[in-house]
Amino acid sequence: MTPEMIEKLWERSGGKCECVRAAHNHPGGRCNAELVKEMMDKSDAGGWKVCRLFMTGNENLNAVAIYCNGCYQQLPSVLQKEDRYGA
């Protein structure tokens, strides 16, 4: 994933977690946890990861989303594949 694609994802997310998984019981349907742009792939507060929503198509912005660390850690391990998207 290119830095440009990561920037587009960040803009789309509004700097907030995009998780809408019903099993996570987000009020209002979406997590919306506040994230820090510089904290990509970091585990501290404000940290986040690019998450694949589908096993294929990670060059398609509709196939990936920005997840806070809490939501990311709740995903099944098959979706927690350690891809490095680094900007």
Protein backbone atom coordinates (compact mmCIF):
# COMPACT_ATOMS: atom_id res chain seq x y z
CA MET A 1 0.00 0.00 0.00
CA THR A 2 1.46 3.32 -1.03
CA PRO A 3 1.82 6.35 1.25
CA GLU A 4 -0.72 8.10 -0.96
CA MET A 5 -3.29 5.36 -0.33
CA ILE A 6 -2.65 5.52 3.41
CA GLU A 7 -3.19 9.29 3.26
CA LYS A 8 -6.51 8.77 1.46
CA LEU A 9 -7.56 6.23 4.10
CA TRP A 10 -6.66 8.68 6.86
CA GLU A 11 -8.70 11.42 5.21
CA ARG A 12 -11.66 9.09 4.72
CA SER A 13 -11.56 8.01 8.36
CA GLY A 14 -11.45 11.55 9.70
CA GLY A 15 -8.74 10.39 12.11
CA LYS A 16 -11.12 7.95 13.77
CA CYS A 17 -11.48 4.18 13.91
CA GLU A 18 -13.65 2.89 11.07
CA CYS A 19 -14.67 -0.39 12.74
CA VAL A 20 -18.36 -1.19 12.41
CA ARG A 21 -18.27 -4.81 13.58
CA ALA A 22 -21.48 -5.62 15.43
CA ALA A 23 -19.64 -8.00 17.77
CA HIS A 24 -17.66 -5.03 19.15
CA ASN A 25 -20.89 -3.36 20.37
CA HIS A 26 -19.98 0.17 19.30
CA PRO A 27 -22.57 2.76 20.28
CA GLY A 28 -24.01 4.22 17.10
CA GLY A 29 -22.56 1.40 15.00
CA ARG A 30 -19.03 2.73 14.45
CA CYS A 31 -16.13 2.82 16.92
CA ASN A 32 -14.94 6.37 16.14
CA ALA A 33 -12.04 6.19 18.62
CA GLU A 34 -9.77 9.21 18.14
CA LEU A 35 -6.46 8.27 16.50
CA VAL A 36 -3.12 10.02 16.02
CA LYS A 37 -1.81 10.04 12.47
CA GLU A 38 1.81 9.48 13.51
CA MET A 39 0.84 6.42 15.60
CA MET A 40 0.32 4.00 12.70
CA ASP A 41 1.44 0.49 13.72
CA LYS A 42 2.17 1.67 17.28
CA SER A 43 0.54 0.20 20.37
CA ASP A 44 0.38 3.37 22.51
CA ALA A 45 -2.72 5.55 22.92
CA GLY A 46 -3.96 6.80 19.57
CA GLY A 47 -2.31 3.90 17.76
CA TRP A 48 -3.93 2.30 14.74
CA LYS A 49 -3.49 -0.22 11.95
CA VAL A 50 -4.67 -0.63 8.41
CA CYS A 51 -6.98 -3.62 8.48
CA ARG A 52 -7.91 -5.79 5.53
CA LEU A 53 -11.65 -6.23 5.31
CA PHE A 54 -11.22 -8.89 2.63
CA MET A 55 -8.35 -11.33 2.10
CA THR A 56 -7.68 -9.93 -1.35
CA GLY A 57 -7.58 -6.48 -2.84
CA ASN A 58 -5.37 -4.49 -0.49
CA GLU A 59 -4.69 -1.99 -3.25
CA ASN A 60 -8.42 -1.18 -3.26
CA LEU A 61 -9.40 1.43 -0.67
CA ASN A 62 -12.77 -0.27 -0.23
CA ALA A 63 -11.02 -3.46 0.89
CA VAL A 64 -9.19 -1.87 3.84
CA ALA A 65 -10.03 0.31 6.83
CA ILE A 66 -8.30 2.07 9.69
CA TYR A 67 -8.85 0.32 13.03
CA CYS A 68 -7.79 1.43 16.49
CA ASN A 69 -5.62 -1.05 18.37
CA GLY A 70 -8.53 -2.18 20.55
CA CYS A 71 -10.72 -3.12 17.61
CA TYR A 72 -7.81 -4.64 15.72
CA GLN A 73 -6.93 -6.91 18.65
CA GLN A 74 -10.51 -8.23 18.76
CA LEU A 75 -10.32 -9.46 15.16
CA PRO A 76 -9.80 -13.14 14.37
CA SER A 77 -6.09 -13.88 13.98
CA VAL A 78 -6.47 -14.54 10.24
CA LEU A 79 -7.37 -10.85 9.82
CA GLN A 80 -4.50 -9.70 12.05
CA LYS A 81 -1.92 -10.58 9.44
CA GLU A 82 1.15 -8.44 10.07
CA ASP A 83 1.32 -6.59 6.78
CA ARG A 84 3.54 -3.55 6.87
CA TYR A 85 2.01 -0.68 4.99
CA GLY A 86 4.54 1.86 6.27
CA ALA A 87 4.28 5.39 5.02
